[in-house]
Amino acid sequence: MGLPDEAKALPPPGIINRNSVWLGVIGWCSAMLQNALNRRPPIKSGVHRQALLASIGWFIGYHVTKHENYTYARLDRDMNEYVRLHSENFSDKEKKTFAEIVEPFHPIR
């Protein structure tokens, strides 16, 4: 499932982002878990597999972030268009002061 052409107008996400870090760590941990299940030293053996799975997780996380940014941008665009078309439903209400909201304070002694 690729992104539509209008997603290309968005700026690219940062190379270090939340999804990339989490999925990279999950890829690395899955390589270490595979080592442990095969009774090999988890950290020392299969370093090439650890790097590969961490890189794959990082790559997937980057593209998940791109899709997430596009989805939220599309929802924001649709919501702002709706508010613009139906501005009578979103009129500003009169602002109350804090004293009007809170009950009067009478200390009891």
PDB file of N, CA and C in Angstrom:
ATOM      1  N   MET A   1       0.849  -1.169   0.000  1.00  0.00           N
ATOM      2  CA  MET A   1       0.000   0.000   0.000  1.00  0.00           C
ATOM      3  C   MET A   1       0.893   1.230   0.000  1.00  0.00           C
ATOM      4  N   GLY A   2       0.977   1.884  -1.113  1.00  0.00           N
ATOM      5  CA  GLY A   2       1.811   3.070  -1.227  1.00  0.00           C
ATOM      6  C   GLY A   2       1.024   4.330  -0.900  1.00  0.00           C
ATOM      7  N   LEU A   3       1.760   5.388  -0.725  1.00  0.00           N
ATOM      8  CA  LEU A   3       1.124   6.669  -0.440  1.00  0.00           C
ATOM      9  C   LEU A   3       0.738   7.347  -1.748  1.00  0.00           C
ATOM     10  N   PRO A   4      -0.348   8.120  -1.744  1.00  0.00           N
ATOM     11  CA  PRO A   4      -0.719   8.843  -2.969  1.00  0.00           C
ATOM     12  C   PRO A   4       0.264   9.968  -3.264  1.00  0.00           C
ATOM     13  N   ASP A   5       0.124  10.534  -4.451  1.00  0.00           N
ATOM     14  CA  ASP A   5       1.053  11.582  -4.883  1.00  0.00           C
ATOM     15  C   ASP A   5       0.979  12.833  -4.015  1.00  0.00           C
ATOM     16  N   GLU A   6      -0.197  13.104  -3.423  1.00  0.00           N
ATOM     17  CA  GLU A   6      -0.301  14.311  -2.596  1.00  0.00           C
ATOM     18  C   GLU A   6       0.525  14.187  -1.312  1.00  0.00           C
ATOM     19  N   ALA A   7       0.916  12.986  -0.944  1.00  0.00           N
ATOM     20  CA  ALA A   7       1.759  12.808   0.245  1.00  0.00           C
ATOM     21  C   ALA A   7       3.189  13.267  -0.017  1.00  0.00           C
ATOM     22  N   LYS A   8       3.569  13.379  -1.278  1.00  0.00           N
ATOM     23  CA  LYS A   8       4.928  13.824  -1.609  1.00  0.00           C
ATOM     24  C   LYS A   8       5.137  15.295  -1.295  1.00  0.00           C
ATOM     25  N   ALA A   9       4.043  16.046  -1.105  1.00  0.00           N
ATOM     26  CA  ALA A   9       4.156  17.463  -0.774  1.00  0.00           C
ATOM     27  C   ALA A   9       4.539  17.667   0.685  1.00  0.00           C
ATOM     28  N   LEU A  10       4.354  16.638   1.510  1.00  0.00           N
ATOM     29  CA  LEU A  10       4.696  16.758   2.923  1.00  0.00           C
ATOM     30  C   LEU A  10       6.203  16.657   3.115  1.00  0.00           C
ATOM     31  N   PRO A  11       6.728  17.319   4.133  1.00  0.00           N
ATOM     32  CA  PRO A  11       8.167  17.173   4.399  1.00  0.00           C
ATOM     33  C   PRO A  11       8.458  15.772   4.918  1.00  0.00           C
ATOM     34  N   PRO A  12       9.621  15.243   4.617  1.00  0.00           N
ATOM     35  CA  PRO A  12       9.930  13.892   5.099  1.00  0.00           C
ATOM     36  C   PRO A  12      10.131  13.897   6.611  1.00  0.00           C
ATOM     37  N   PRO A  13       9.785  12.788   7.261  1.00  0.00           N
ATOM     38  CA  PRO A  13      10.015  12.744   8.711  1.00  0.00           C
ATOM     39  C   PRO A  13      11.506  12.681   9.023  1.00  0.00           C
ATOM     40  N   GLY A  14      11.843  13.001  10.236  1.00  0.00           N
ATOM     41  CA  GLY A  14      13.236  12.929  10.655  1.00  0.00           C
ATOM     42  C   GLY A  14      13.730  11.493  10.620  1.00  0.00           C
ATOM     43  N   ILE A  15      15.006  11.309  10.396  1.00  0.00           N
ATOM     44  CA  ILE A  15      15.565   9.960  10.313  1.00  0.00           C
ATOM     45  C   ILE A  15      15.491   9.270  11.678  1.00  0.00           C
ATOM     46  N   ILE A  16      15.533  10.058  12.736  1.00  0.00           N
ATOM     47  CA  ILE A  16      15.353   9.507  14.083  1.00  0.00           C
ATOM     48  C   ILE A  16      13.968   9.914  14.547  1.00  0.00           C
ATOM     49  N   ASN A  17      13.068   8.954  14.603  1.00  0.00           N
ATOM     50  CA  ASN A  17      11.724   9.229  15.072  1.00  0.00           C
ATOM     51  C   ASN A  17      11.263   8.075  15.963  1.00  0.00           C
ATOM     52  N   ARG A  18      10.142   8.269  16.587  1.00  0.00           N
ATOM     53  CA  ARG A  18       9.643   7.325  17.584  1.00  0.00           C
ATOM     54  C   ARG A  18       9.432   5.929  17.005  1.00  0.00           C
ATOM     55  N   ASN A  19       8.784   5.836  15.870  1.00  0.00           N
ATOM     56  CA  ASN A  19       8.492   4.522  15.294  1.00  0.00           C
ATOM     57  C   ASN A  19       9.767   3.806  14.851  1.00  0.00           C
ATOM     58  N   SER A  20      10.700   4.533  14.278  1.00  0.00           N
ATOM     59  CA  SER A  20      11.948   3.908  13.838  1.00  0.00           C
ATOM     60  C   SER A  20      12.735   3.364  15.018  1.00  0.00           C
ATOM     61  N   VAL A  21      12.795   4.141  16.082  1.00  0.00           N
ATOM     62  CA  VAL A  21      13.548   3.684  17.249  1.00  0.00           C
ATOM     63  C   VAL A  21      12.905   2.442  17.847  1.00  0.00           C
ATOM     64  N   TRP A  22      11.591   2.484  18.047  1.00  0.00           N
ATOM     65  CA  TRP A  22      10.919   1.331  18.653  1.00  0.00           C
ATOM     66  C   TRP A  22      11.046   0.088  17.787  1.00  0.00           C
ATOM     67  N   LEU A  23      10.781   0.208  16.505  1.00  0.00           N
ATOM     68  CA  LEU A  23      10.836  -0.984  15.652  1.00  0.00           C
ATOM     69  C   LEU A  23      12.272  -1.455  15.442  1.00  0.00           C
ATOM     70  N   GLY A  24      13.240  -0.542  15.456  1.00  0.00           N
ATOM     71  CA  GLY A  24      14.643  -0.955  15.406  1.00  0.00           C
ATOM     72  C   GLY A  24      15.036  -1.743  16.639  1.00  0.00           C
ATOM     73  N   VAL A  25      14.601  -1.278  17.808  1.00  0.00           N
ATOM     74  CA  VAL A  25      14.889  -2.002  19.051  1.00  0.00           C
ATOM     75  C   VAL A  25      14.189  -3.356  19.053  1.00  0.00           C
ATOM     76  N   ILE A  26      12.971  -3.411  18.551  1.00  0.00           N
ATOM     77  CA  ILE A  26      12.252  -4.688  18.487  1.00  0.00           C
ATOM     78  C   ILE A  26      12.970  -5.657  17.549  1.00  0.00           C
ATOM     79  N   GLY A  27      13.481  -5.159  16.417  1.00  0.00           N
ATOM     80  CA  GLY A  27      14.239  -6.019  15.506  1.00  0.00           C
ATOM     81  C   GLY A  27      15.503  -6.548  16.154  1.00  0.00           C
ATOM     82  N   TRP A  28      16.216  -5.686  16.867  1.00  0.00           N
ATOM     83  CA  TRP A  28      17.435  -6.110  17.548  1.00  0.00           C
ATOM     84  C   TRP A  28      17.116  -7.131  18.635  1.00  0.00           C
ATOM     85  N   CYS A  29      16.056  -6.880  19.411  1.00  0.00           N
ATOM     86  CA  CYS A  29      15.673  -7.815  20.477  1.00  0.00           C
ATOM     87  C   CYS A  29      15.208  -9.147  19.908  1.00  0.00           C
ATOM     88  N   SER A  30      14.577  -9.132  18.751  1.00  0.00           N
ATOM     89  CA  SER A  30      14.150 -10.402  18.160  1.00  0.00           C
ATOM     90  C   SER A  30      15.358 -11.229  17.715  1.00  0.00           C
ATOM     91  N   ALA A  31      16.420 -10.576  17.247  1.00  0.00           N
ATOM     92  CA  ALA A  31      17.646 -11.304  16.900  1.00  0.00           C
ATOM     93  C   ALA A  31      18.292 -11.877  18.149  1.00  0.00           C
ATOM     94  N   MET A  32      18.282 -11.112  19.237  1.00  0.00           N
ATOM     95  CA  MET A  32      18.853 -11.618  20.480  1.00  0.00           C
ATOM     96  C   MET A  32      18.002 -12.753  21.056  1.00  0.00           C
ATOM     97  N   LEU A  33      16.698 -12.662  20.912  1.00  0.00           N
ATOM     98  CA  LEU A  33      15.821 -13.739  21.373  1.00  0.00           C
ATOM     99  C   LEU A  33      16.060 -15.007  20.560  1.00  0.00           C
ATOM    100  N   GLN A  34      16.243 -14.858  19.261  1.00  0.00           N
ATOM    101  CA  GLN A  34      16.544 -16.018  18.418  1.00  0.00           C
ATOM    102  C   GLN A  34      17.860 -16.658  18.851  1.00  0.00           C
ATOM    103  N   ASN A  35      18.857 -15.845  19.154  1.00  0.00           N
ATOM    104  CA  ASN A  35      20.124 -16.394  19.653  1.00  0.00           C
ATOM    105  C   ASN A  35      19.914 -17.150  20.960  1.00  0.00           C
ATOM    106  N   ALA A  36      19.149 -16.575  21.870  1.00  0.00           N
ATOM    107  CA  ALA A  36      18.940 -17.214  23.169  1.00  0.00           C
ATOM    108  C   ALA A  36      18.168 -18.525  23.020  1.00  0.00           C
ATOM    109  N   LEU A  37      17.176 -18.541  22.124  1.00  0.00           N
ATOM    110  CA  LEU A  37      16.401 -19.769  21.929  1.00  0.00           C
ATOM    111  C   LEU A  37      17.240 -20.876  21.288  1.00  0.00           C
ATOM    112  N   ASN A  38      18.240 -20.494  20.506  1.00  0.00           N
ATOM    113  CA  ASN A  38      19.125 -21.475  19.874  1.00  0.00           C
ATOM    114  C   ASN A  38      20.355 -21.775  20.728  1.00  0.00           C
ATOM    115  N   ARG A  39      20.338 -21.332  21.981  1.00  0.00           N
ATOM    116  CA  ARG A  39      21.396 -21.577  22.962  1.00  0.00           C
ATOM    117  C   ARG A  39      22.755 -21.054  22.507  1.00  0.00           C
ATOM    118  N   ARG A  40      22.729 -19.875  21.927  1.00  0.00           N
ATOM    119  CA  ARG A  40      23.963 -19.176  21.569  1.00  0.00           C
ATOM    120  C   ARG A  40      24.082 -17.957  22.477  1.00  0.00           C
ATOM    121  N   PRO A  41      25.270 -17.432  22.664  1.00  0.00           N
ATOM    122  CA  PRO A  41      25.386 -16.198  23.471  1.00  0.00           C
ATOM    123  C   PRO A  41      24.586 -15.079  22.807  1.00  0.00           C
ATOM    124  N   PRO A  42      23.588 -14.532  23.492  1.00  0.00           N
ATOM    125  CA  PRO A  42      22.656 -13.599  22.836  1.00  0.00           C
ATOM    126  C   PRO A  42      23.317 -12.356  22.245  1.00  0.00           C
ATOM    127  N   ILE A  43      24.271 -11.741  22.948  1.00  0.00           N
ATOM    128  CA  ILE A  43      24.823 -10.478  22.458  1.00  0.00           C
ATOM    129  C   ILE A  43      25.987 -10.702  21.500  1.00  0.00           C
ATOM    130  N   LYS A  44      26.807 -11.705  21.745  1.00  0.00           N
ATOM    131  CA  LYS A  44      28.039 -11.877  20.973  1.00  0.00           C
ATOM    132  C   LYS A  44      27.836 -12.545  19.616  1.00  0.00           C
ATOM    133  N   SER A  45      26.909 -13.469  19.509  1.00  0.00           N
ATOM    134  CA  SER A  45      26.807 -14.215  18.257  1.00  0.00           C
ATOM    135  C   SER A  45      25.754 -13.600  17.340  1.00  0.00           C
ATOM    136  N   GLY A  46      25.960 -13.768  16.060  1.00  0.00           N
ATOM    137  CA  GLY A  46      24.998 -13.296  15.071  1.00  0.00           C
ATOM    138  C   GLY A  46      24.883 -11.785  15.025  1.00  0.00           C
ATOM    139  N   VAL A  47      26.005 -11.078  15.138  1.00  0.00           N
ATOM    140  CA  VAL A  47      25.964  -9.611  15.127  1.00  0.00           C
ATOM    141  C   VAL A  47      25.437  -9.116  13.784  1.00  0.00           C
ATOM    142  N   HIS A  48      25.745  -9.834  12.709  1.00  0.00           N
ATOM    143  CA  HIS A  48      25.249  -9.425  11.394  1.00  0.00           C
ATOM    144  C   HIS A  48      23.718  -9.537  11.339  1.00  0.00           C
ATOM    145  N   ARG A  49      23.142 -10.552  11.987  1.00  0.00           N
ATOM    146  CA  ARG A  49      21.679 -10.681  12.038  1.00  0.00           C
ATOM    147  C   ARG A  49      21.070  -9.585  12.907  1.00  0.00           C
ATOM    148  N   GLN A  50      21.761  -9.256  13.994  1.00  0.00           N
ATOM    149  CA  GLN A  50      21.264  -8.181  14.852  1.00  0.00           C
ATOM    150  C   GLN A  50      21.219  -6.866  14.093  1.00  0.00           C
ATOM    151  N   ALA A  51      22.284  -6.564  13.363  1.00  0.00           N
ATOM    152  CA  ALA A  51      22.319  -5.323  12.579  1.00  0.00           C
ATOM    153  C   ALA A  51      21.269  -5.341  11.472  1.00  0.00           C
ATOM    154  N   LEU A  52      21.099  -6.494  10.825  1.00  0.00           N
ATOM    155  CA  LEU A  52      20.121  -6.601   9.743  1.00  0.00           C
ATOM    156  C   LEU A  52      18.705  -6.397  10.257  1.00  0.00           C
ATOM    157  N   LEU A  53      18.330  -7.083  11.333  1.00  0.00           N
ATOM    158  CA  LEU A  53      16.965  -6.961  11.837  1.00  0.00           C
ATOM    159  C   LEU A  53      16.708  -5.580  12.435  1.00  0.00           C
ATOM    160  N   ALA A  54      17.719  -4.980  13.052  1.00  0.00           N
ATOM    161  CA  ALA A  54      17.549  -3.610  13.560  1.00  0.00           C
ATOM    162  C   ALA A  54      17.361  -2.641  12.387  1.00  0.00           C
ATOM    163  N   SER A  55      18.101  -2.829  11.307  1.00  0.00           N
ATOM    164  CA  SER A  55      17.962  -1.955  10.127  1.00  0.00           C
ATOM    165  C   SER A  55      16.606  -2.123   9.467  1.00  0.00           C
ATOM    166  N   ILE A  56      16.142  -3.358   9.377  1.00  0.00           N
ATOM    167  CA  ILE A  56      14.818  -3.599   8.789  1.00  0.00           C
ATOM    168  C   ILE A  56      13.738  -2.939   9.638  1.00  0.00           C
ATOM    169  N   GLY A  57      13.845  -3.079  10.967  1.00  0.00           N
ATOM    170  CA  GLY A  57      12.878  -2.429  11.851  1.00  0.00           C
ATOM    171  C   GLY A  57      12.904  -0.922  11.715  1.00  0.00           C
ATOM    172  N   TRP A  58      14.110  -0.357  11.600  1.00  0.00           N
ATOM    173  CA  TRP A  58      14.258   1.093  11.436  1.00  0.00           C
ATOM    174  C   TRP A  58      13.604   1.560  10.136  1.00  0.00           C
ATOM    175  N   PHE A  59      13.828   0.810   9.046  1.00  0.00           N
ATOM    176  CA  PHE A  59      13.259   1.137   7.739  1.00  0.00           C
ATOM    177  C   PHE A  59      11.734   1.097   7.791  1.00  0.00           C
ATOM    178  N   ILE A  60      11.188   0.044   8.383  1.00  0.00           N
ATOM    179  CA  ILE A  60       9.731  -0.079   8.484  1.00  0.00           C
ATOM    180  C   ILE A  60       9.170   1.054   9.340  1.00  0.00           C
ATOM    181  N   GLY A  61       9.845   1.382  10.442  1.00  0.00           N
ATOM    182  CA  GLY A  61       9.390   2.473  11.298  1.00  0.00           C
ATOM    183  C   GLY A  61       9.381   3.814  10.591  1.00  0.00           C
ATOM    184  N   TYR A  62      10.379   4.044   9.737  1.00  0.00           N
ATOM    185  CA  TYR A  62      10.426   5.296   8.976  1.00  0.00           C
ATOM    186  C   TYR A  62       9.212   5.406   8.052  1.00  0.00           C
ATOM    187  N   HIS A  63       8.889   4.319   7.376  1.00  0.00           N
ATOM    188  CA  HIS A  63       7.755   4.361   6.447  1.00  0.00           C
ATOM    189  C   HIS A  63       6.417   4.376   7.175  1.00  0.00           C
ATOM    190  N   VAL A  64       6.347   3.784   8.342  1.00  0.00           N
ATOM    191  CA  VAL A  64       5.133   3.899   9.161  1.00  0.00           C
ATOM    192  C   VAL A  64       4.935   5.351   9.579  1.00  0.00           C
ATOM    193  N   THR A  65       6.011   6.042   9.918  1.00  0.00           N
ATOM    194  CA  THR A  65       5.918   7.452  10.294  1.00  0.00           C
ATOM    195  C   THR A  65       5.474   8.300   9.104  1.00  0.00           C
ATOM    196  N   LYS A  66       5.981   7.994   7.903  1.00  0.00           N
ATOM    197  CA  LYS A  66       5.533   8.729   6.715  1.00  0.00           C
ATOM    198  C   LYS A  66       4.032   8.553   6.510  1.00  0.00           C
ATOM    199  N   HIS A  67       3.549   7.328   6.664  1.00  0.00           N
ATOM    200  CA  HIS A  67       2.118   7.069   6.490  1.00  0.00           C
ATOM    201  C   HIS A  67       1.308   7.754   7.588  1.00  0.00           C
ATOM    202  N   GLU A  68       1.822   7.738   8.807  1.00  0.00           N
ATOM    203  CA  GLU A  68       1.144   8.396   9.926  1.00  0.00           C
ATOM    204  C   GLU A  68       1.048   9.905   9.685  1.00  0.00           C
ATOM    205  N   ASN A  69       2.134  10.529   9.237  1.00  0.00           N
ATOM    206  CA  ASN A  69       2.120  11.970   8.958  1.00  0.00           C
ATOM    207  C   ASN A  69       1.125  12.312   7.861  1.00  0.00           C
ATOM    208  N   TYR A  70       1.058  11.484   6.812  1.00  0.00           N
ATOM    209  CA  TYR A  70       0.111  11.731   5.728  1.00  0.00           C
ATOM    210  C   TYR A  70      -1.321  11.601   6.238  1.00  0.00           C
ATOM    211  N   THR A  71      -1.585  10.574   7.038  1.00  0.00           N
ATOM    212  CA  THR A  71      -2.941  10.355   7.541  1.00  0.00           C
ATOM    213  C   THR A  71      -3.393  11.532   8.396  1.00  0.00           C
ATOM    214  N   TYR A  72      -2.521  12.001   9.301  1.00  0.00           N
ATOM    215  CA  TYR A  72      -2.906  13.121  10.151  1.00  0.00           C
ATOM    216  C   TYR A  72      -3.027  14.418   9.358  1.00  0.00           C
ATOM    217  N   ALA A  73      -2.197  14.615   8.358  1.00  0.00           N
ATOM    218  CA  ALA A  73      -2.307  15.814   7.517  1.00  0.00           C
ATOM    219  C   ALA A  73      -3.621  15.794   6.730  1.00  0.00           C
ATOM    220  N   ARG A  74      -3.994  14.629   6.221  1.00  0.00           N
ATOM    221  CA  ARG A  74      -5.250  14.509   5.480  1.00  0.00           C
ATOM    222  C   ARG A  74      -6.444  14.772   6.398  1.00  0.00           C
ATOM    223  N   LEU A  75      -6.420  14.220   7.618  1.00  0.00           N
ATOM    224  CA  LEU A  75      -7.515  14.449   8.562  1.00  0.00           C
ATOM    225  C   LEU A  75      -7.594  15.922   8.961  1.00  0.00           C
ATOM    226  N   ASP A  76      -6.447  16.562   9.174  1.00  0.00           N
ATOM    227  CA  ASP A  76      -6.449  17.986   9.501  1.00  0.00           C
ATOM    228  C   ASP A  76      -7.009  18.816   8.353  1.00  0.00           C
ATOM    229  N   ARG A  77      -6.628  18.475   7.137  1.00  0.00           N
ATOM    230  CA  ARG A  77      -7.138  19.200   5.969  1.00  0.00           C
ATOM    231  C   ARG A  77      -8.653  19.053   5.867  1.00  0.00           C
ATOM    232  N   ASP A  78      -9.162  17.831   6.035  1.00  0.00           N
ATOM    233  CA  ASP A  78     -10.607  17.596   5.937  1.00  0.00           C
ATOM    234  C   ASP A  78     -11.362  18.313   7.052  1.00  0.00           C
ATOM    235  N   MET A  79     -10.801  18.282   8.266  1.00  0.00           N
ATOM    236  CA  MET A  79     -11.460  18.946   9.392  1.00  0.00           C
ATOM    237  C   MET A  79     -11.487  20.459   9.189  1.00  0.00           C
ATOM    238  N   ASN A  80     -10.381  21.040   8.748  1.00  0.00           N
ATOM    239  CA  ASN A  80     -10.353  22.493   8.522  1.00  0.00           C
ATOM    240  C   ASN A  80     -11.288  22.899   7.390  1.00  0.00           C
ATOM    241  N   GLU A  81     -11.406  22.059   6.378  1.00  0.00           N
ATOM    242  CA  GLU A  81     -12.340  22.343   5.285  1.00  0.00           C
ATOM    243  C   GLU A  81     -13.778  22.298   5.787  1.00  0.00           C
ATOM    244  N   TYR A  82     -14.092  21.339   6.640  1.00  0.00           N
ATOM    245  CA  TYR A  82     -15.436  21.238   7.204  1.00  0.00           C
ATOM    246  C   TYR A  82     -15.747  22.457   8.066  1.00  0.00           C
ATOM    247  N   VAL A  83     -14.789  22.866   8.887  1.00  0.00           N
ATOM    248  CA  VAL A  83     -15.004  24.043   9.740  1.00  0.00           C
ATOM    249  C   VAL A  83     -15.180  25.289   8.876  1.00  0.00           C
ATOM    250  N   ARG A  84     -14.423  25.371   7.790  1.00  0.00           N
ATOM    251  CA  ARG A  84     -14.555  26.533   6.905  1.00  0.00           C
ATOM    252  C   ARG A  84     -15.923  26.557   6.229  1.00  0.00           C
ATOM    253  N   LEU A  85     -16.434  25.406   5.812  1.00  0.00           N
ATOM    254  CA  LEU A  85     -17.729  25.353   5.135  1.00  0.00           C
ATOM    255  C   LEU A  85     -18.901  25.538   6.095  1.00  0.00           C
ATOM    256  N   HIS A  86     -18.754  25.091   7.324  1.00  0.00           N
ATOM    257  CA  HIS A  86     -19.835  25.170   8.309  1.00  0.00           C
ATOM    258  C   HIS A  86     -19.421  26.048   9.482  1.00  0.00           C
ATOM    259  N   SER A  87     -18.997  27.259   9.178  1.00  0.00           N
ATOM    260  CA  SER A  87     -18.478  28.138  10.224  1.00  0.00           C
ATOM    261  C   SER A  87     -19.564  28.570  11.207  1.00  0.00           C
ATOM    262  N   GLU A  88     -20.826  28.503  10.822  1.00  0.00           N
ATOM    263  CA  GLU A  88     -21.889  28.906  11.752  1.00  0.00           C
ATOM    264  C   GLU A  88     -21.997  27.944  12.941  1.00  0.00           C
ATOM    265  N   ASN A  89     -21.567  26.704  12.774  1.00  0.00           N
ATOM    266  CA  ASN A  89     -21.597  25.738  13.875  1.00  0.00           C
ATOM    267  C   ASN A  89     -20.417  25.909  14.826  1.00  0.00           C
ATOM    268  N   PHE A  90     -19.443  26.687  14.444  1.00  0.00           N
ATOM    269  CA  PHE A  90     -18.222  26.830  15.234  1.00  0.00           C
ATOM    270  C   PHE A  90     -17.967  28.285  15.610  1.00  0.00           C
ATOM    271  N   SER A  91     -19.033  29.008  15.961  1.00  0.00           N
ATOM    272  CA  SER A  91     -18.851  30.410  16.335  1.00  0.00           C
ATOM    273  C   SER A  91     -18.206  30.483  17.714  1.00  0.00           C
ATOM    274  N   ASP A  92     -17.484  31.582  17.938  1.00  0.00           N
ATOM    275  CA  ASP A  92     -16.809  31.777  19.216  1.00  0.00           C
ATOM    276  C   ASP A  92     -17.825  32.092  20.295  1.00  0.00           C
ATOM    277  N   LYS A  93     -17.683  31.446  21.436  1.00  0.00           N
ATOM    278  CA  LYS A  93     -18.559  31.716  22.571  1.00  0.00           C
ATOM    279  C   LYS A  93     -17.941  32.828  23.397  1.00  0.00           C
ATOM    280  N   GLU A  94     -18.783  33.488  24.188  1.00  0.00           N
ATOM    281  CA  GLU A  94     -18.255  34.551  25.034  1.00  0.00           C
ATOM    282  C   GLU A  94     -17.371  33.936  26.113  1.00  0.00           C
ATOM    283  N   LYS A  95     -16.278  34.583  26.371  1.00  0.00           N
ATOM    284  CA  LYS A  95     -15.324  34.062  27.336  1.00  0.00           C
ATOM    285  C   LYS A  95     -15.699  34.517  28.732  1.00  0.00           C
ATOM    286  N   LYS A  96     -15.686  33.572  29.664  1.00  0.00           N
ATOM    287  CA  LYS A  96     -15.974  33.888  31.052  1.00  0.00           C
ATOM    288  C   LYS A  96     -14.654  34.087  31.791  1.00  0.00           C
ATOM    289  N   THR A  97     -14.697  34.918  32.795  1.00  0.00           N
ATOM    290  CA  THR A  97     -13.524  35.087  33.632  1.00  0.00           C
ATOM    291  C   THR A  97     -13.478  33.954  34.648  1.00  0.00           C
ATOM    292  N   PHE A  98     -12.350  33.786  35.269  1.00  0.00           N
ATOM    293  CA  PHE A  98     -12.194  32.720  36.253  1.00  0.00           C
ATOM    294  C   PHE A  98     -13.125  32.935  37.442  1.00  0.00           C
ATOM    295  N   ALA A  99     -13.357  34.183  37.795  1.00  0.00           N
ATOM    296  CA  ALA A  99     -14.231  34.490  38.927  1.00  0.00           C
ATOM    297  C   ALA A  99     -15.683  34.105  38.618  1.00  0.00           C
ATOM    298  N   GLU A 100     -16.085  34.156  37.379  1.00  0.00           N
ATOM    299  CA  GLU A 100     -17.448  33.765  37.020  1.00  0.00           C
ATOM    300  C   GLU A 100     -17.629  32.250  37.043  1.00  0.00           C
ATOM    301  N   ILE A 101     -16.553  31.500  36.856  1.00  0.00           N
ATOM    302  CA  ILE A 101     -16.646  30.043  36.828  1.00  0.00           C
ATOM    303  C   ILE A 101     -16.631  29.463  38.241  1.00  0.00           C
ATOM    304  N   VAL A 102     -15.745  29.985  39.099  1.00  0.00           N
ATOM    305  CA  VAL A 102     -15.552  29.455  40.440  1.00  0.00           C
ATOM    306  C   VAL A 102     -16.549  30.097  41.396  1.00  0.00           C
ATOM    307  N   GLU A 103     -17.055  29.305  42.329  1.00  0.00           N
ATOM    308  CA  GLU A 103     -17.962  29.845  43.337  1.00  0.00           C
ATOM    309  C   GLU A 103     -17.203  30.797  44.261  1.00  0.00           C
ATOM    310  N   PRO A 104     -17.901  31.759  44.841  1.00  0.00           N
ATOM    311  CA  PRO A 104     -17.214  32.683  45.759  1.00  0.00           C
ATOM    312  C   PRO A 104     -16.666  31.937  46.981  1.00  0.00           C
ATOM    313  N   PHE A 105     -15.497  32.355  47.417  1.00  0.00           N
ATOM    314  CA  PHE A 105     -14.829  31.688  48.529  1.00  0.00           C
ATOM    315  C   PHE A 105     -15.123  32.441  49.819  1.00  0.00           C
ATOM    316  N   HIS A 106     -15.654  31.725  50.805  1.00  0.00           N
ATOM    317  CA  HIS A 106     -15.919  32.301  52.117  1.00  0.00           C
ATOM    318  C   HIS A 106     -15.210  31.394  53.136  1.00  0.00           C
ATOM    319  N   PRO A 107     -14.114  31.858  53.713  1.00  0.00           N
ATOM    320  CA  PRO A 107     -13.407  31.001  54.669  1.00  0.00           C
ATOM    321  C   PRO A 107     -14.244  30.783  55.931  1.00  0.00           C
ATOM    322  N   ILE A 108     -14.176  29.567  56.427  1.00  0.00           N
ATOM    323  CA  ILE A 108     -14.890  29.207  57.657  1.00  0.00           C
ATOM    324  C   ILE A 108     -13.879  29.139  58.774  1.00  0.00           C
ATOM    325  N   ARG A 109     -14.159  29.893  59.873  1.00  0.00           N
ATOM    326  CA  ARG A 109     -13.229  29.889  61.005  1.00  0.00           C
ATOM    327  C   ARG A 109     -13.903  29.356  62.219  1.00  0.00           C
TER     328      ARG A 109
END
